[in-house]
């Protein structure tokens, strides 16, 4: 019998939220997002 067979989807989702460090990131603000976007565009144009 598999180890996870007694856990339902909700319990597995809660475990993932608790232990998955990739889910603990926060979104960048709109100003930083636009700044990063234009910095990447300028970097790409510089390397053409």
Protein backbone atom coordinates (compact mmCIF):
# COMPACT_ATOMS: atom_id res chain seq x y z
CA UNK A 1 0.00 0.00 0.00
CA UNK A 2 1.46 3.41 -0.96
CA UNK A 3 2.40 5.77 1.83
CA UNK A 4 0.14 8.59 0.61
CA UNK A 5 -2.95 6.45 0.09
CA UNK A 6 -4.57 7.51 3.37
CA UNK A 7 -4.15 11.26 2.72
CA UNK A 8 -6.76 13.15 0.75
CA UNK A 9 -6.04 16.00 -1.65
CA UNK A 10 -6.71 18.69 0.94
CA UNK A 11 -4.26 17.19 3.41
CA UNK A 12 -1.63 16.86 0.70
CA UNK A 13 -2.19 20.50 -0.32
CA UNK A 14 -1.74 21.66 3.29
CA UNK A 15 1.50 19.68 3.57
CA UNK A 16 2.76 21.23 0.35
CA UNK A 17 1.97 24.74 1.61
CA UNK A 18 3.77 24.00 4.88
CA UNK A 19 6.97 22.51 3.46
CA UNK A 20 7.36 23.93 -0.09
CA UNK A 21 9.64 26.95 0.25
CA UNK A 22 8.96 28.04 -3.34
CA UNK A 23 5.41 28.97 -2.33
CA UNK A 24 6.73 31.38 0.32
CA UNK A 25 7.72 34.10 -2.15
CA UNK A 26 6.00 37.42 -2.50
CA UNK A 27 5.06 39.25 -5.65
CA UNK A 28 7.06 42.23 -6.81
CA UNK A 29 5.32 45.58 -6.85
CA UNK A 30 4.28 47.16 -10.15
CA UNK A 31 7.16 49.68 -10.06
CA UNK A 32 9.82 47.01 -9.58
CA UNK A 33 8.20 44.81 -12.23
CA UNK A 34 8.28 47.61 -14.82
CA UNK A 35 11.85 48.51 -13.88
CA UNK A 36 12.99 44.90 -14.27
CA UNK A 37 11.07 44.56 -17.54
CA UNK A 38 12.74 47.61 -19.10
CA UNK A 39 16.16 46.66 -17.70
CA UNK A 40 15.86 43.27 -19.43
CA UNK A 41 14.77 44.93 -22.68
CA UNK A 42 17.75 47.32 -22.57
CA UNK A 43 20.10 44.45 -21.75
CA UNK A 44 18.78 42.43 -24.71
CA UNK A 45 19.06 45.38 -27.09
CA UNK A 46 22.60 46.07 -25.92
CA UNK A 47 23.60 42.51 -26.85
CA UNK A 48 22.13 42.51 -30.36
